[in-house]
């Protein structure tokens, strides 16, 4: 029973990641968006609702299932877990706030000639994917506090999926920004900031 529930959890997370990628793919959008009243805006809404509903459903299953502790956190481990969770949430909140500021018009999302802007300042000046970095820090710090097998499984799948997704996303960014993004990628780490940046 314990093995079955953990195997089902892994399958659910992998299925969620697969569907998430399928629905986010440009080829899917090109087929579906023209058939929708409201176009891309409606598609984004349904995509967001599906992603949120699926994510919450899997989380509810995960927290309701019986799992096993892989180790007992002691010493400074809980303090490190709490500090990591707070730092990860702060980084994610900064990234999300910046995104909503752009959507609300408080910051310019595009230049006057409608050319997309490549963010290279703030957190993006230290890592290319600060939201993903914050997510990794949060979920693995949470695992230090609650080292369940179920959380290790979900964190591992989310981490691998996100790394693969980030690499695919960068190919798209290279097509959009060309040499600017290539230069940015060479001087800026993907997830782990350099302690001493060369100038």
C-alpha atoms as a PDB file:
ATOM      1  CA  UNK A   1       0.000   0.000   0.000  1.00  0.00           C
ATOM      2  CA  UNK A   2       2.806   2.415   0.921  1.00  0.00           C
ATOM      3  CA  UNK A   3       4.715   1.622  -2.290  1.00  0.00           C
ATOM      4  CA  UNK A   4       1.543   1.925  -4.390  1.00  0.00           C
ATOM      5  CA  UNK A   5       0.622   5.349  -3.002  1.00  0.00           C
ATOM      6  CA  UNK A   6       4.129   6.716  -3.600  1.00  0.00           C
ATOM      7  CA  UNK A   7       4.212   5.265  -7.110  1.00  0.00           C
ATOM      8  CA  UNK A   8       0.825   6.873  -7.827  1.00  0.00           C
ATOM      9  CA  UNK A   9       2.156  10.192  -6.508  1.00  0.00           C
ATOM     10  CA  UNK A  10       5.116  10.018  -8.897  1.00  0.00           C
ATOM     11  CA  UNK A  11       2.801   9.172 -11.816  1.00  0.00           C
ATOM     12  CA  UNK A  12       0.477  12.060 -10.954  1.00  0.00           C
ATOM     13  CA  UNK A  13       3.340  14.575 -10.840  1.00  0.00           C
ATOM     14  CA  UNK A  14       4.809  13.292 -14.113  1.00  0.00           C
ATOM     15  CA  UNK A  15       1.387  13.414 -15.789  1.00  0.00           C
ATOM     16  CA  UNK A  16       0.872  16.968 -14.516  1.00  0.00           C
ATOM     17  CA  UNK A  17       4.267  18.054 -15.851  1.00  0.00           C
ATOM     18  CA  UNK A  18       3.584  16.400 -19.213  1.00  0.00           C
ATOM     19  CA  UNK A  19       0.171  18.052 -19.598  1.00  0.00           C
ATOM     20  CA  UNK A  20       1.598  21.367 -18.450  1.00  0.00           C
ATOM     21  CA  UNK A  21       4.246  21.191 -21.189  1.00  0.00           C
ATOM     22  CA  UNK A  22       1.735  20.095 -23.816  1.00  0.00           C
ATOM     23  CA  UNK A  23      -0.659  22.952 -23.059  1.00  0.00           C
ATOM     24  CA  UNK A  24       2.179  25.505 -22.905  1.00  0.00           C
ATOM     25  CA  UNK A  25       3.627  24.414 -26.250  1.00  0.00           C
ATOM     26  CA  UNK A  26       3.359  26.892 -29.135  1.00  0.00           C
ATOM     27  CA  UNK A  27       2.045  24.131 -31.416  1.00  0.00           C
ATOM     28  CA  UNK A  28      -0.910  23.507 -29.058  1.00  0.00           C
ATOM     29  CA  UNK A  29      -1.659  27.220 -28.756  1.00  0.00           C
ATOM     30  CA  UNK A  30      -1.598  27.643 -32.541  1.00  0.00           C
ATOM     31  CA  UNK A  31      -4.219  24.897 -32.905  1.00  0.00           C
ATOM     32  CA  UNK A  32      -6.509  25.861 -30.016  1.00  0.00           C
ATOM     33  CA  UNK A  33      -6.374  29.676 -29.722  1.00  0.00           C
ATOM     34  CA  UNK A  34      -7.976  30.456 -33.140  1.00  0.00           C
ATOM     35  CA  UNK A  35     -10.991  28.299 -32.176  1.00  0.00           C
ATOM     36  CA  UNK A  36     -11.642  30.137 -28.906  1.00  0.00           C
ATOM     37  CA  UNK A  37     -13.797  33.200 -28.496  1.00  0.00           C
ATOM     38  CA  UNK A  38     -11.495  35.677 -26.809  1.00  0.00           C
ATOM     39  CA  UNK A  39      -8.384  34.083 -28.286  1.00  0.00           C
ATOM     40  CA  UNK A  40      -5.143  33.992 -26.338  1.00  0.00           C
ATOM     41  CA  UNK A  41      -6.575  35.699 -23.239  1.00  0.00           C
ATOM     42  CA  UNK A  42      -9.211  32.974 -22.785  1.00  0.00           C
ATOM     43  CA  UNK A  43      -6.646  30.261 -23.434  1.00  0.00           C
ATOM     44  CA  UNK A  44      -4.336  31.715 -20.766  1.00  0.00           C
ATOM     45  CA  UNK A  45      -7.232  31.823 -18.302  1.00  0.00           C
ATOM     46  CA  UNK A  46      -8.214  28.195 -18.869  1.00  0.00           C
ATOM     47  CA  UNK A  47      -4.589  27.108 -18.848  1.00  0.00           C
ATOM     48  CA  UNK A  48      -4.020  28.877 -15.518  1.00  0.00           C
ATOM     49  CA  UNK A  49      -7.193  27.403 -13.981  1.00  0.00           C
ATOM     50  CA  UNK A  50      -6.267  23.898 -15.137  1.00  0.00           C
ATOM     51  CA  UNK A  51      -2.723  24.213 -13.813  1.00  0.00           C
ATOM     52  CA  UNK A  52      -3.921  25.545 -10.455  1.00  0.00           C
ATOM     53  CA  UNK A  53      -6.627  22.882 -10.073  1.00  0.00           C
ATOM     54  CA  UNK A  54      -4.261  20.056 -10.999  1.00  0.00           C
ATOM     55  CA  UNK A  55      -1.514  21.344  -8.719  1.00  0.00           C
ATOM     56  CA  UNK A  56      -3.876  21.717  -5.741  1.00  0.00           C
ATOM     57  CA  UNK A  57      -5.433  18.261  -6.326  1.00  0.00           C
ATOM     58  CA  UNK A  58      -2.030  16.556  -6.318  1.00  0.00           C
ATOM     59  CA  UNK A  59      -0.919  18.496  -3.237  1.00  0.00           C
ATOM     60  CA  UNK A  60      -4.098  17.463  -1.392  1.00  0.00           C
ATOM     61  CA  UNK A  61      -3.434  13.831  -2.277  1.00  0.00           C
ATOM     62  CA  UNK A  62       0.191  14.162  -1.198  1.00  0.00           C
ATOM     63  CA  UNK A  63      -0.543  15.671   2.227  1.00  0.00           C
ATOM     64  CA  UNK A  64      -3.321  13.139   2.886  1.00  0.00           C
ATOM     65  CA  UNK A  65      -1.203  10.071   2.126  1.00  0.00           C
ATOM     66  CA  UNK A  66       0.850   8.155   4.639  1.00  0.00           C
ATOM     67  CA  UNK A  67       4.592   8.508   4.032  1.00  0.00           C
ATOM     68  CA  UNK A  68       7.827   7.691   5.821  1.00  0.00           C
ATOM     69  CA  UNK A  69      10.540   9.953   7.224  1.00  0.00           C
ATOM     70  CA  UNK A  70      13.886   9.489   5.479  1.00  0.00           C
ATOM     71  CA  UNK A  71      15.710  11.008   8.466  1.00  0.00           C
ATOM     72  CA  UNK A  72      14.937  12.848  11.682  1.00  0.00           C
ATOM     73  CA  UNK A  73      15.927  16.525  11.406  1.00  0.00           C
ATOM     74  CA  UNK A  74      18.037  17.620  14.342  1.00  0.00           C
ATOM     75  CA  UNK A  75      20.705  20.111  15.295  1.00  0.00           C
ATOM     76  CA  UNK A  76      20.769  23.109  12.977  1.00  0.00           C
ATOM     77  CA  UNK A  77      18.773  21.375  10.228  1.00  0.00           C
ATOM     78  CA  UNK A  78      15.374  22.842  11.242  1.00  0.00           C
ATOM     79  CA  UNK A  79      16.862  26.346  11.507  1.00  0.00           C
ATOM     80  CA  UNK A  80      18.449  25.948   8.059  1.00  0.00           C
ATOM     81  CA  UNK A  81      15.115  24.717   6.703  1.00  0.00           C
ATOM     82  CA  UNK A  82      13.193  27.690   8.091  1.00  0.00           C
ATOM     83  CA  UNK A  83      15.806  30.185   6.846  1.00  0.00           C
ATOM     84  CA  UNK A  84      15.804  28.561   3.402  1.00  0.00           C
ATOM     85  CA  UNK A  85      11.996  28.580   3.187  1.00  0.00           C
ATOM     86  CA  UNK A  86      11.853  32.270   4.103  1.00  0.00           C
ATOM     87  CA  UNK A  87      14.582  33.164   1.607  1.00  0.00           C
ATOM     88  CA  UNK A  88      12.993  31.087  -1.169  1.00  0.00           C
ATOM     89  CA  UNK A  89       9.546  32.609  -0.597  1.00  0.00           C
ATOM     90  CA  UNK A  90      11.060  36.114  -0.589  1.00  0.00           C
ATOM     91  CA  UNK A  91      12.804  35.524  -3.927  1.00  0.00           C
ATOM     92  CA  UNK A  92       9.629  34.082  -5.454  1.00  0.00           C
ATOM     93  CA  UNK A  93       7.531  36.983  -4.117  1.00  0.00           C
ATOM     94  CA  UNK A  94       9.922  39.539  -5.648  1.00  0.00           C
ATOM     95  CA  UNK A  95       9.772  37.792  -9.034  1.00  0.00           C
ATOM     96  CA  UNK A  96       5.969  37.450  -8.978  1.00  0.00           C
ATOM     97  CA  UNK A  97       5.500  41.055  -7.830  1.00  0.00           C
ATOM     98  CA  UNK A  98       7.691  42.266 -10.679  1.00  0.00           C
ATOM     99  CA  UNK A  99       5.627  40.230 -13.136  1.00  0.00           C
ATOM    100  CA  UNK A 100       2.324  41.708 -11.900  1.00  0.00           C
ATOM    101  CA  UNK A 101       3.800  45.196 -11.886  1.00  0.00           C
ATOM    102  CA  UNK A 102       4.590  44.727 -15.557  1.00  0.00           C
ATOM    103  CA  UNK A 103       1.076  43.460 -16.313  1.00  0.00           C
ATOM    104  CA  UNK A 104      -0.534  46.372 -14.493  1.00  0.00           C
ATOM    105  CA  UNK A 105       1.535  48.890 -16.413  1.00  0.00           C
ATOM    106  CA  UNK A 106       3.554  50.081 -13.416  1.00  0.00           C
ATOM    107  CA  UNK A 107       6.648  49.025 -15.339  1.00  0.00           C
ATOM    108  CA  UNK A 108       7.116  48.849 -19.078  1.00  0.00           C
ATOM    109  CA  UNK A 109       6.898  45.303 -20.382  1.00  0.00           C
ATOM    110  CA  UNK A 110       7.902  46.349 -23.888  1.00  0.00           C
ATOM    111  CA  UNK A 111       9.812  49.188 -25.410  1.00  0.00           C
ATOM    112  CA  UNK A 112       8.063  51.840 -27.462  1.00  0.00           C
ATOM    113  CA  UNK A 113       8.688  49.901 -30.655  1.00  0.00           C
ATOM    114  CA  UNK A 114       7.024  46.781 -29.131  1.00  0.00           C
ATOM    115  CA  UNK A 115      10.313  44.890 -28.903  1.00  0.00           C
ATOM    116  CA  UNK A 116      10.429  42.554 -25.867  1.00  0.00           C
ATOM    117  CA  UNK A 117      12.774  43.656 -23.082  1.00  0.00           C
ATOM    118  CA  UNK A 118      15.475  41.298 -21.836  1.00  0.00           C
ATOM    119  CA  UNK A 119      15.619  41.665 -18.058  1.00  0.00           C
ATOM    120  CA  UNK A 120      19.218  41.797 -16.854  1.00  0.00           C
ATOM    121  CA  UNK A 121      18.929  43.855 -13.677  1.00  0.00           C
ATOM    122  CA  UNK A 122      17.810  43.079 -10.118  1.00  0.00           C
ATOM    123  CA  UNK A 123      17.706  39.346  -9.397  1.00  0.00           C
ATOM    124  CA  UNK A 124      18.123  38.675 -13.130  1.00  0.00           C
ATOM    125  CA  UNK A 125      21.572  40.252 -12.849  1.00  0.00           C
ATOM    126  CA  UNK A 126      22.658  37.385 -10.590  1.00  0.00           C
ATOM    127  CA  UNK A 127      20.859  34.379 -12.124  1.00  0.00           C
ATOM    128  CA  UNK A 128      18.955  33.862 -15.359  1.00  0.00           C
ATOM    129  CA  UNK A 129      16.013  32.154 -13.638  1.00  0.00           C
ATOM    130  CA  UNK A 130      15.507  33.712 -10.187  1.00  0.00           C
ATOM    131  CA  UNK A 131      11.918  32.430  -9.836  1.00  0.00           C
ATOM    132  CA  UNK A 132      13.079  28.860 -10.389  1.00  0.00           C
ATOM    133  CA  UNK A 133      16.021  29.392  -8.033  1.00  0.00           C
ATOM    134  CA  UNK A 134      13.647  30.610  -5.312  1.00  0.00           C
ATOM    135  CA  UNK A 135      11.364  27.633  -5.947  1.00  0.00           C
ATOM    136  CA  UNK A 136      14.237  25.155  -5.595  1.00  0.00           C
ATOM    137  CA  UNK A 137      15.442  26.784  -2.387  1.00  0.00           C
ATOM    138  CA  UNK A 138      11.924  26.732  -0.931  1.00  0.00           C
ATOM    139  CA  UNK A 139      10.940  23.149  -1.776  1.00  0.00           C
ATOM    140  CA  UNK A 140      14.240  21.593  -0.684  1.00  0.00           C
ATOM    141  CA  UNK A 141      14.352  23.699   2.493  1.00  0.00           C
ATOM    142  CA  UNK A 142      10.822  22.497   3.221  1.00  0.00           C
ATOM    143  CA  UNK A 143      12.101  18.937   2.800  1.00  0.00           C
ATOM    144  CA  UNK A 144      14.745  19.617   5.459  1.00  0.00           C
ATOM    145  CA  UNK A 145      11.871  20.412   7.830  1.00  0.00           C
ATOM    146  CA  UNK A 146       9.655  17.524   6.679  1.00  0.00           C
ATOM    147  CA  UNK A 147      11.934  14.860   5.157  1.00  0.00           C
ATOM    148  CA  UNK A 148       9.139  12.585   3.969  1.00  0.00           C
ATOM    149  CA  UNK A 149       9.673  10.203   1.075  1.00  0.00           C
ATOM    150  CA  UNK A 150       6.597  11.708  -0.628  1.00  0.00           C
ATOM    151  CA  UNK A 151       8.092  15.208  -0.538  1.00  0.00           C
ATOM    152  CA  UNK A 152      11.427  13.920  -1.845  1.00  0.00           C
ATOM    153  CA  UNK A 153       9.624  12.286  -4.786  1.00  0.00           C
ATOM    154  CA  UNK A 154       7.637  15.406  -5.684  1.00  0.00           C
ATOM    155  CA  UNK A 155      10.636  17.724  -5.236  1.00  0.00           C
ATOM    156  CA  UNK A 156      12.822  15.528  -7.444  1.00  0.00           C
ATOM    157  CA  UNK A 157      10.261  15.436 -10.265  1.00  0.00           C
ATOM    158  CA  UNK A 158       9.584  19.179 -10.029  1.00  0.00           C
ATOM    159  CA  UNK A 159      13.324  19.945 -10.034  1.00  0.00           C
ATOM    160  CA  UNK A 160      14.120  17.780 -13.067  1.00  0.00           C
ATOM    161  CA  UNK A 161      11.071  19.077 -14.956  1.00  0.00           C
ATOM    162  CA  UNK A 162      11.939  22.700 -14.202  1.00  0.00           C
ATOM    163  CA  UNK A 163      15.568  22.316 -15.290  1.00  0.00           C
ATOM    164  CA  UNK A 164      14.482  20.733 -18.584  1.00  0.00           C
ATOM    165  CA  UNK A 165      11.815  23.426 -19.032  1.00  0.00           C
ATOM    166  CA  UNK A 166      14.311  26.204 -18.357  1.00  0.00           C
ATOM    167  CA  UNK A 167      16.670  24.860 -21.012  1.00  0.00           C
ATOM    168  CA  UNK A 168      13.853  24.710 -23.573  1.00  0.00           C
ATOM    169  CA  UNK A 169      12.732  28.187 -22.549  1.00  0.00           C
ATOM    170  CA  UNK A 170      16.229  29.505 -23.163  1.00  0.00           C
ATOM    171  CA  UNK A 171      16.192  28.226 -26.733  1.00  0.00           C
ATOM    172  CA  UNK A 172      13.055  30.305 -27.283  1.00  0.00           C
ATOM    173  CA  UNK A 173      14.685  33.344 -25.646  1.00  0.00           C
ATOM    174  CA  UNK A 174      17.709  32.961 -27.919  1.00  0.00           C
ATOM    175  CA  UNK A 175      15.409  33.106 -30.937  1.00  0.00           C
ATOM    176  CA  UNK A 176      13.762  36.263 -29.606  1.00  0.00           C
ATOM    177  CA  UNK A 177      16.823  38.153 -28.339  1.00  0.00           C
ATOM    178  CA  UNK A 178      19.621  36.606 -30.426  1.00  0.00           C
ATOM    179  CA  UNK A 179      23.164  37.692 -29.554  1.00  0.00           C
ATOM    180  CA  UNK A 180      21.963  39.732 -26.558  1.00  0.00           C
ATOM    181  CA  UNK A 181      20.687  36.612 -24.835  1.00  0.00           C
ATOM    182  CA  UNK A 182      23.763  34.598 -25.793  1.00  0.00           C
ATOM    183  CA  UNK A 183      25.950  37.235 -24.153  1.00  0.00           C
ATOM    184  CA  UNK A 184      23.681  37.382 -21.093  1.00  0.00           C
ATOM    185  CA  UNK A 185      23.752  33.597 -20.760  1.00  0.00           C
ATOM    186  CA  UNK A 186      27.552  33.510 -20.871  1.00  0.00           C
ATOM    187  CA  UNK A 187      28.004  36.059 -18.083  1.00  0.00           C
ATOM    188  CA  UNK A 188      25.053  35.100 -15.841  1.00  0.00           C
ATOM    189  CA  UNK A 189      24.624  31.702 -14.097  1.00  0.00           C
ATOM    190  CA  UNK A 190      21.429  29.729 -14.635  1.00  0.00           C
ATOM    191  CA  UNK A 191      20.322  29.059 -11.037  1.00  0.00           C
ATOM    192  CA  UNK A 192      23.280  29.395  -8.651  1.00  0.00           C
ATOM    193  CA  UNK A 193      24.672  32.944  -8.318  1.00  0.00           C
ATOM    194  CA  UNK A 194      28.406  33.504  -8.312  1.00  0.00           C
ATOM    195  CA  UNK A 195      29.705  34.716  -4.961  1.00  0.00           C
ATOM    196  CA  UNK A 196      32.272  36.927  -6.644  1.00  0.00           C
ATOM    197  CA  UNK A 197      31.287  38.263 -10.028  1.00  0.00           C
ATOM    198  CA  UNK A 198      34.161  39.296 -12.277  1.00  0.00           C
ATOM    199  CA  UNK A 199      33.776  42.780 -13.662  1.00  0.00           C
END
